[in-house]
Amino acid sequence: MKTLPTAEGSQLILLKLDVLSDTDTTSLIQTLTDKEKIAHLDIVIANAAVINYDEPAVKMDLPGLRETLEINLIGPLKLFQATFSLLRNAPRPPKFMALSSYVGNSAAVAEMGRYYSVSRYAASKAALNHLVRWIHVENEWLTAFTAHPG
């Protein structure tokens, strides 16, 4: 793997996280605190997602919807919960960011077309937008936001 640049006094540690696992987030934090001796985090980015298209609501696959919500909504929540105390320990206001999508905006339903906009993906991103906004409001010491990468 290439070496990635870091700012002076900072480090970048890349670790694997399976958001479907109920134990990976706990193991990840334990690795950070015990092995890497990390006492705080300045920023956490929730980036995992699964996407699907062209599925009208009347035919929506319910097990698929559950899995999509588990990955796109519950995964970022588990990551936030696991990193909460390390974010809280940051010397400057920390940030929690989750990657979302334009289709998580209800205006996208009319704009993007009926099938795409009612997809499991769009519903999960709308829920993620709400959840992260809620996290931001509940924790005035933290900047929590979603971003649409384009």
N, C-alpha and C. Protein backbone atom coordinates (compact mmCIF):
# COMPACT_ATOMS: atom_id res chain seq x y z
N MET A 1 0.85 -1.19 0.00
CA MET A 1 0.00 0.00 0.00
C MET A 1 0.88 1.24 0.00
N LYS A 2 0.47 2.25 -0.73
CA LYS A 2 1.20 3.51 -0.76
C LYS A 2 1.09 4.19 0.60
N THR A 3 2.11 4.98 0.90
CA THR A 3 2.06 5.80 2.10
C THR A 3 1.23 7.04 1.79
N LEU A 4 0.27 7.33 2.63
CA LEU A 4 -0.58 8.50 2.44
C LEU A 4 -0.03 9.65 3.28
N PRO A 5 -0.13 10.88 2.77
CA PRO A 5 0.40 12.02 3.52
C PRO A 5 -0.46 12.30 4.77
N THR A 6 0.18 12.75 5.82
CA THR A 6 -0.52 13.15 7.04
C THR A 6 0.02 14.50 7.49
N ALA A 7 -0.79 15.23 8.21
CA ALA A 7 -0.36 16.51 8.77
C ALA A 7 0.62 16.27 9.90
N GLU A 8 1.43 17.25 10.17
CA GLU A 8 2.40 17.14 11.26
C GLU A 8 1.66 16.87 12.57
N GLY A 9 2.14 15.89 13.33
CA GLY A 9 1.53 15.56 14.61
C GLY A 9 0.30 14.68 14.50
N SER A 10 -0.02 14.20 13.30
CA SER A 10 -1.18 13.34 13.13
C SER A 10 -0.75 12.02 12.50
N GLN A 11 -1.65 11.07 12.53
CA GLN A 11 -1.37 9.79 11.91
C GLN A 11 -2.64 9.25 11.27
N LEU A 12 -2.44 8.41 10.28
CA LEU A 12 -3.55 7.77 9.58
C LEU A 12 -3.41 6.28 9.81
N ILE A 13 -4.42 5.68 10.41
CA ILE A 13 -4.43 4.25 10.67
C ILE A 13 -5.61 3.66 9.91
N LEU A 14 -5.34 2.74 9.01
CA LEU A 14 -6.39 2.12 8.22
C LEU A 14 -6.70 0.75 8.81
N LEU A 15 -7.96 0.53 9.16
CA LEU A 15 -8.41 -0.74 9.73
C LEU A 15 -9.65 -1.20 8.99
N LYS A 16 -9.84 -2.52 8.90
CA LYS A 16 -11.01 -3.11 8.26
C LYS A 16 -12.18 -3.08 9.24
N LEU A 17 -13.36 -2.77 8.71
CA LEU A 17 -14.58 -2.78 9.51
C LEU A 17 -15.71 -3.35 8.67
N ASP A 18 -16.31 -4.44 9.13
CA ASP A 18 -17.48 -5.02 8.48
C ASP A 18 -18.69 -4.49 9.24
N VAL A 19 -19.47 -3.60 8.63
CA VAL A 19 -20.59 -2.98 9.33
C VAL A 19 -21.73 -3.95 9.62
N LEU A 20 -21.72 -5.11 8.97
CA LEU A 20 -22.74 -6.12 9.28
C LEU A 20 -22.38 -6.92 10.54
N SER A 21 -21.15 -6.82 10.97
CA SER A 21 -20.71 -7.54 12.15
C SER A 21 -21.13 -6.80 13.41
N ASP A 22 -21.58 -7.55 14.41
CA ASP A 22 -21.93 -6.93 15.69
C ASP A 22 -20.72 -6.76 16.59
N THR A 23 -19.57 -7.32 16.20
CA THR A 23 -18.38 -7.23 17.04
C THR A 23 -17.24 -6.42 16.42
N ASP A 24 -17.27 -6.17 15.12
CA ASP A 24 -16.16 -5.48 14.47
C ASP A 24 -15.92 -4.07 15.02
N THR A 25 -16.97 -3.31 15.29
CA THR A 25 -16.75 -1.94 15.79
C THR A 25 -16.08 -1.97 17.16
N THR A 26 -16.51 -2.89 18.01
CA THR A 26 -15.89 -3.01 19.34
C THR A 26 -14.43 -3.43 19.20
N SER A 27 -14.16 -4.38 18.34
CA SER A 27 -12.78 -4.83 18.10
C SER A 27 -11.93 -3.71 17.54
N LEU A 28 -12.49 -2.94 16.63
CA LEU A 28 -11.77 -1.83 16.03
C LEU A 28 -11.36 -0.82 17.10
N ILE A 29 -12.27 -0.45 17.97
CA ILE A 29 -11.97 0.52 19.02
C ILE A 29 -10.95 -0.05 19.99
N GLN A 30 -11.06 -1.31 20.30
CA GLN A 30 -10.09 -1.94 21.19
C GLN A 30 -8.70 -1.92 20.56
N THR A 31 -8.62 -2.17 19.26
CA THR A 31 -7.33 -2.09 18.57
C THR A 31 -6.77 -0.68 18.63
N LEU A 32 -7.64 0.31 18.39
CA LEU A 32 -7.17 1.70 18.42
C LEU A 32 -6.67 2.10 19.80
N THR A 33 -7.41 1.75 20.82
CA THR A 33 -7.04 2.19 22.17
C THR A 33 -5.91 1.35 22.77
N ASP A 34 -5.96 0.04 22.62
CA ASP A 34 -4.97 -0.84 23.24
C ASP A 34 -3.69 -0.95 22.42
N LYS A 35 -3.81 -1.29 21.16
CA LYS A 35 -2.62 -1.53 20.33
C LYS A 35 -2.00 -0.23 19.83
N GLU A 36 -2.84 0.68 19.33
CA GLU A 36 -2.33 1.92 18.74
C GLU A 36 -2.22 3.06 19.76
N LYS A 37 -2.72 2.85 20.97
CA LYS A 37 -2.65 3.84 22.06
C LYS A 37 -3.31 5.17 21.68
N ILE A 38 -4.44 5.09 20.98
CA ILE A 38 -5.19 6.27 20.57
C ILE A 38 -6.10 6.68 21.73
N ALA A 39 -6.01 7.94 22.12
CA ALA A 39 -6.82 8.45 23.22
C ALA A 39 -7.99 9.31 22.73
N HIS A 40 -7.90 9.78 21.48
CA HIS A 40 -8.99 10.59 20.93
C HIS A 40 -9.00 10.48 19.40
N LEU A 41 -10.14 10.84 18.84
CA LEU A 41 -10.29 10.94 17.39
C LEU A 41 -10.79 12.34 17.06
N ASP A 42 -10.23 12.94 16.03
CA ASP A 42 -10.66 14.26 15.59
C ASP A 42 -11.79 14.19 14.58
N ILE A 43 -11.75 13.14 13.75
CA ILE A 43 -12.79 13.00 12.72
C ILE A 43 -13.03 11.52 12.47
N VAL A 44 -14.30 11.18 12.27
CA VAL A 44 -14.71 9.83 11.90
C VAL A 44 -15.57 9.96 10.66
N ILE A 45 -15.27 9.16 9.65
CA ILE A 45 -16.04 9.18 8.41
C ILE A 45 -16.67 7.82 8.18
N ALA A 46 -18.00 7.78 8.14
CA ALA A 46 -18.75 6.56 7.84
C ALA A 46 -18.96 6.51 6.34
N ASN A 47 -18.34 5.54 5.68
CA ASN A 47 -18.30 5.53 4.23
C ASN A 47 -18.91 4.28 3.60
N ALA A 48 -19.25 3.28 4.37
CA ALA A 48 -19.77 2.02 3.81
C ALA A 48 -21.18 2.22 3.27
N ALA A 49 -21.49 1.53 2.17
CA ALA A 49 -22.85 1.60 1.62
C ALA A 49 -23.06 0.47 0.63
N VAL A 50 -24.32 0.16 0.44
CA VAL A 50 -24.73 -0.77 -0.60
C VAL A 50 -25.83 -0.06 -1.38
N ILE A 51 -25.86 -0.29 -2.69
CA ILE A 51 -26.81 0.44 -3.53
C ILE A 51 -27.57 -0.54 -4.42
N ASN A 52 -28.78 -0.17 -4.78
CA ASN A 52 -29.60 -0.92 -5.73
C ASN A 52 -30.48 0.08 -6.48
N TYR A 53 -31.01 -0.32 -7.61
CA TYR A 53 -31.80 0.58 -8.44
C TYR A 53 -33.07 -0.12 -8.93
N ASP A 54 -33.95 0.69 -9.48
CA ASP A 54 -35.11 0.22 -10.25
C ASP A 54 -35.95 -0.82 -9.53
N GLU A 55 -36.41 -0.47 -8.36
CA GLU A 55 -37.23 -1.39 -7.61
C GLU A 55 -38.47 -0.64 -7.09
N PRO A 56 -39.61 -0.84 -7.72
CA PRO A 56 -40.80 -0.15 -7.23
C PRO A 56 -41.17 -0.63 -5.83
N ALA A 57 -41.77 0.24 -5.04
CA ALA A 57 -42.09 -0.08 -3.65
C ALA A 57 -42.95 -1.34 -3.53
N VAL A 58 -43.87 -1.53 -4.46
CA VAL A 58 -44.78 -2.67 -4.39
C VAL A 58 -44.03 -4.00 -4.53
N LYS A 59 -42.84 -3.97 -5.14
CA LYS A 59 -42.05 -5.19 -5.33
C LYS A 59 -40.77 -5.19 -4.50
N MET A 60 -40.64 -4.22 -3.59
CA MET A 60 -39.40 -4.09 -2.84
C MET A 60 -39.11 -5.36 -2.04
N ASP A 61 -37.90 -5.84 -2.17
CA ASP A 61 -37.43 -7.03 -1.48
C ASP A 61 -37.19 -6.69 0.00
N LEU A 62 -38.01 -7.22 0.90
CA LEU A 62 -37.92 -6.86 2.32
C LEU A 62 -36.62 -7.33 2.97
N PRO A 63 -36.15 -8.56 2.72
CA PRO A 63 -34.83 -8.91 3.27
C PRO A 63 -33.73 -7.99 2.73
N GLY A 64 -33.85 -7.61 1.46
CA GLY A 64 -32.88 -6.68 0.88
C GLY A 64 -32.96 -5.32 1.53
N LEU A 65 -34.17 -4.86 1.83
CA LEU A 65 -34.33 -3.59 2.52
C LEU A 65 -33.70 -3.64 3.90
N ARG A 66 -33.93 -4.73 4.63
CA ARG A 66 -33.32 -4.87 5.96
C ARG A 66 -31.79 -4.82 5.88
N GLU A 67 -31.23 -5.53 4.90
CA GLU A 67 -29.77 -5.54 4.76
C GLU A 67 -29.26 -4.14 4.39
N THR A 68 -29.96 -3.46 3.49
CA THR A 68 -29.56 -2.11 3.09
C THR A 68 -29.59 -1.16 4.28
N LEU A 69 -30.65 -1.24 5.08
CA LEU A 69 -30.73 -0.39 6.28
C LEU A 69 -29.64 -0.75 7.28
N GLU A 70 -29.33 -2.02 7.40
CA GLU A 70 -28.27 -2.46 8.31
C GLU A 70 -26.92 -1.85 7.90
N ILE A 71 -26.64 -1.84 6.62
CA ILE A 71 -25.36 -1.32 6.13
C ILE A 71 -25.36 0.21 6.08
N ASN A 72 -26.38 0.81 5.48
CA ASN A 72 -26.37 2.24 5.20
C ASN A 72 -26.83 3.12 6.35
N LEU A 73 -27.57 2.58 7.29
CA LEU A 73 -28.08 3.36 8.41
C LEU A 73 -27.53 2.87 9.75
N ILE A 74 -27.70 1.61 10.04
CA ILE A 74 -27.29 1.09 11.34
C ILE A 74 -25.77 1.00 11.43
N GLY A 75 -25.10 0.70 10.33
CA GLY A 75 -23.64 0.67 10.32
C GLY A 75 -23.03 1.99 10.78
N PRO A 76 -23.42 3.13 10.18
CA PRO A 76 -22.89 4.40 10.66
C PRO A 76 -23.26 4.70 12.12
N LEU A 77 -24.45 4.28 12.55
CA LEU A 77 -24.83 4.48 13.95
C LEU A 77 -23.92 3.67 14.87
N LYS A 78 -23.66 2.41 14.51
CA LYS A 78 -22.75 1.58 15.31
C LYS A 78 -21.36 2.21 15.37
N LEU A 79 -20.90 2.76 14.25
CA LEU A 79 -19.59 3.41 14.23
C LEU A 79 -19.59 4.64 15.13
N PHE A 80 -20.64 5.44 15.06
CA PHE A 80 -20.73 6.61 15.94
C PHE A 80 -20.73 6.19 17.41
N GLN A 81 -21.54 5.21 17.75
CA GLN A 81 -21.61 4.76 19.13
C GLN A 81 -20.25 4.24 19.62
N ALA A 82 -19.57 3.49 18.77
CA ALA A 82 -18.28 2.91 19.16
C ALA A 82 -17.20 3.98 19.32
N THR A 83 -17.25 5.03 18.52
CA THR A 83 -16.21 6.06 18.56
C THR A 83 -16.58 7.26 19.43
N PHE A 84 -17.76 7.23 20.03
CA PHE A 84 -18.27 8.36 20.79
C PHE A 84 -17.27 8.86 21.84
N SER A 85 -16.76 7.98 22.68
CA SER A 85 -15.87 8.44 23.76
C SER A 85 -14.55 8.97 23.21
N LEU A 86 -14.06 8.39 22.12
CA LEU A 86 -12.82 8.91 21.53
C LEU A 86 -13.04 10.26 20.86
N LEU A 87 -14.20 10.47 20.26
CA LEU A 87 -14.54 11.79 19.73
C LEU A 87 -14.69 12.79 20.87
N ARG A 88 -15.30 12.36 21.94
CA ARG A 88 -15.54 13.24 23.10
C ARG A 88 -14.22 13.70 23.72
N ASN A 89 -13.18 12.88 23.59
CA ASN A 89 -11.87 13.21 24.16
C ASN A 89 -11.02 14.13 23.28
N ALA A 90 -11.51 14.49 22.11
CA ALA A 90 -10.73 15.32 21.18
C ALA A 90 -10.45 16.69 21.79
N PRO A 91 -9.24 17.20 21.59
CA PRO A 91 -8.89 18.51 22.16
C PRO A 91 -9.59 19.68 21.48
N ARG A 92 -9.99 19.49 20.24
CA ARG A 92 -10.75 20.51 19.50
C ARG A 92 -12.08 19.89 19.10
N PRO A 93 -13.05 20.71 18.73
CA PRO A 93 -14.35 20.13 18.35
C PRO A 93 -14.19 19.06 17.26
N PRO A 94 -14.61 17.84 17.54
CA PRO A 94 -14.48 16.76 16.58
C PRO A 94 -15.59 16.77 15.54
N LYS A 95 -15.40 15.93 14.52
CA LYS A 95 -16.38 15.84 13.44
C LYS A 95 -16.73 14.39 13.17
N PHE A 96 -18.02 14.16 12.93
CA PHE A 96 -18.51 12.86 12.49
C PHE A 96 -19.23 13.10 11.17
N MET A 97 -18.75 12.44 10.11
CA MET A 97 -19.34 12.62 8.79
C MET A 97 -19.78 11.27 8.24
N ALA A 98 -20.94 11.25 7.63
CA ALA A 98 -21.42 10.05 6.94
C ALA A 98 -21.67 10.42 5.49
N LEU A 99 -21.22 9.57 4.59
CA LEU A 99 -21.48 9.81 3.18
C LEU A 99 -22.92 9.45 2.85
N SER A 100 -23.61 10.39 2.26
CA SER A 100 -25.01 10.22 1.91
C SER A 100 -25.15 10.28 0.40
N SER A 101 -26.29 10.73 -0.06
CA SER A 101 -26.56 10.83 -1.48
C SER A 101 -27.68 11.84 -1.71
N TYR A 102 -27.66 12.45 -2.87
CA TYR A 102 -28.73 13.37 -3.22
C TYR A 102 -30.10 12.69 -3.17
N VAL A 103 -30.14 11.41 -3.50
CA VAL A 103 -31.43 10.72 -3.54
C VAL A 103 -32.01 10.51 -2.15
N GLY A 104 -31.25 10.81 -1.10
CA GLY A 104 -31.78 10.78 0.24
C GLY A 104 -32.62 12.00 0.57
N ASN A 105 -32.73 12.90 -0.37
CA ASN A 105 -33.54 14.10 -0.26
C ASN A 105 -34.91 13.79 -0.87
N SER A 106 -35.97 14.11 -0.17
CA SER A 106 -37.30 13.77 -0.68
C SER A 106 -37.62 14.46 -2.01
N ALA A 107 -36.97 15.58 -2.30
CA ALA A 107 -37.18 16.25 -3.60
C ALA A 107 -36.72 15.37 -4.75
N ALA A 108 -35.83 14.44 -4.47
CA ALA A 108 -35.30 13.58 -5.53
C ALA A 108 -36.35 12.64 -6.09
N VAL A 109 -37.39 12.37 -5.33
CA VAL A 109 -38.43 11.44 -5.80
C VAL A 109 -39.02 11.93 -7.12
N ALA A 110 -39.43 13.19 -7.16
CA ALA A 110 -40.00 13.74 -8.39
C ALA A 110 -38.93 13.98 -9.44
N GLU A 111 -37.77 14.37 -9.01
CA GLU A 111 -36.70 14.76 -9.93
C GLU A 111 -36.00 13.58 -10.60
N MET A 112 -35.76 12.52 -9.85
CA MET A 112 -34.93 11.41 -10.33
C MET A 112 -35.74 10.27 -10.94
N GLY A 113 -37.02 10.26 -10.73
CA GLY A 113 -37.83 9.17 -11.27
C GLY A 113 -38.35 8.26 -10.18
N ARG A 114 -39.51 7.72 -10.41
CA ARG A 114 -40.20 7.00 -9.34
C ARG A 114 -39.48 5.75 -8.87
N TYR A 115 -38.89 4.96 -9.73
CA TYR A 115 -38.26 3.72 -9.29
C TYR A 115 -36.98 3.98 -8.51
N TYR A 116 -36.13 4.84 -9.05
CA TYR A 116 -34.87 5.11 -8.38
C TYR A 116 -35.11 5.74 -7.02
N SER A 117 -36.06 6.64 -6.95
CA SER A 117 -36.26 7.40 -5.73
C SER A 117 -36.94 6.63 -4.61
N VAL A 118 -37.58 5.51 -4.90
CA VAL A 118 -38.17 4.71 -3.81
C VAL A 118 -37.31 3.49 -3.52
N SER A 119 -36.14 3.46 -4.09
CA SER A 119 -35.26 2.31 -3.88
C SER A 119 -34.86 2.19 -2.42
N ARG A 120 -34.41 1.01 -2.07
CA ARG A 120 -33.89 0.77 -0.73
C ARG A 120 -32.77 1.76 -0.41
N TYR A 121 -31.94 2.01 -1.39
CA TYR A 121 -30.80 2.92 -1.20
C TYR A 121 -31.27 4.32 -0.82
N ALA A 122 -32.20 4.86 -1.58
CA ALA A 122 -32.70 6.21 -1.32
C ALA A 122 -33.34 6.30 0.06
N ALA A 123 -34.15 5.31 0.42
CA ALA A 123 -34.80 5.31 1.74
C ALA A 123 -33.76 5.26 2.85
N SER A 124 -32.72 4.45 2.67
CA SER A 124 -31.69 4.34 3.71
C SER A 124 -30.91 5.64 3.85
N LYS A 125 -30.66 6.32 2.74
CA LYS A 125 -29.92 7.58 2.81
C LYS A 125 -30.77 8.70 3.41
N ALA A 126 -32.08 8.69 3.16
CA ALA A 126 -32.96 9.66 3.81
C ALA A 126 -32.94 9.45 5.32
N ALA A 127 -33.00 8.20 5.74
CA ALA A 127 -32.95 7.90 7.18
C ALA A 127 -31.59 8.29 7.76
N LEU A 128 -30.52 8.05 7.02
CA LEU A 128 -29.18 8.42 7.48
C LEU A 128 -29.07 9.94 7.65
N ASN A 129 -29.60 10.70 6.70
CA ASN A 129 -29.57 12.16 6.81
C ASN A 129 -30.24 12.61 8.10
N HIS A 130 -31.39 12.04 8.39
CA HIS A 130 -32.12 12.40 9.61
C HIS A 130 -31.33 11.99 10.86
N LEU A 131 -30.81 10.79 10.87
CA LEU A 131 -30.06 10.29 12.02
C LEU A 131 -28.85 11.16 12.34
N VAL A 132 -28.08 11.50 11.32
CA VAL A 132 -26.87 12.29 11.54
C VAL A 132 -27.23 13.71 11.99
N ARG A 133 -28.31 14.25 11.47
CA ARG A 133 -28.77 15.57 11.95
C ARG A 133 -29.15 15.48 13.42
N TRP A 134 -29.82 14.41 13.81
CA TRP A 134 -30.20 14.18 15.19
C TRP A 134 -28.95 14.09 16.07
N ILE A 135 -27.94 13.35 15.63
CA ILE A 135 -26.67 13.24 16.37
C ILE A 135 -26.07 14.62 16.57
N HIS A 136 -26.11 15.46 15.52
CA HIS A 136 -25.56 16.81 15.62
C HIS A 136 -26.29 17.65 16.66
N VAL A 137 -27.61 17.58 16.65
CA VAL A 137 -28.42 18.38 17.57
C VAL A 137 -28.22 17.91 19.02
N GLU A 138 -28.11 16.61 19.22
CA GLU A 138 -27.94 16.06 20.57
C GLU A 138 -26.59 16.36 21.20
N ASN A 139 -25.59 16.60 20.39
CA ASN A 139 -24.22 16.74 20.89
C ASN A 139 -23.63 18.06 20.41
N GLU A 140 -23.84 19.13 21.19
CA GLU A 140 -23.39 20.44 20.73
C GLU A 140 -21.88 20.58 20.65
N TRP A 141 -21.14 19.70 21.24
CA TRP A 141 -19.67 19.70 21.19
C TRP A 141 -19.13 19.06 19.90
N LEU A 142 -20.03 18.45 19.12
CA LEU A 142 -19.65 17.68 17.94
C LEU A 142 -20.28 18.27 16.68
N THR A 143 -19.51 18.33 15.61
CA THR A 143 -20.08 18.68 14.31
C THR A 143 -20.35 17.39 13.58
N ALA A 144 -21.62 17.06 13.40
CA ALA A 144 -22.01 15.85 12.68
C ALA A 144 -22.78 16.28 11.43
N PHE A 145 -22.41 15.69 10.30
CA PHE A 145 -23.04 16.09 9.05
C PHE A 145 -22.94 14.95 8.03
N THR A 146 -23.78 15.04 7.01
CA THR A 146 -23.69 14.13 5.87
C THR A 146 -23.16 14.93 4.68
N ALA A 147 -22.57 14.22 3.76
CA ALA A 147 -22.07 14.86 2.55
C ALA A 147 -22.42 13.99 1.35
N HIS A 148 -22.80 14.64 0.29
CA HIS A 148 -23.10 13.96 -0.98
C HIS A 148 -21.89 14.14 -1.88
N PRO A 149 -21.20 13.05 -2.22
CA PRO A 149 -19.94 13.18 -2.94
C PRO A 149 -20.05 13.56 -4.41
N GLY A 150 -21.25 13.56 -4.95
CA GLY A 150 -21.36 14.02 -6.33
C GLY A 150 -21.88 13.02 -7.30
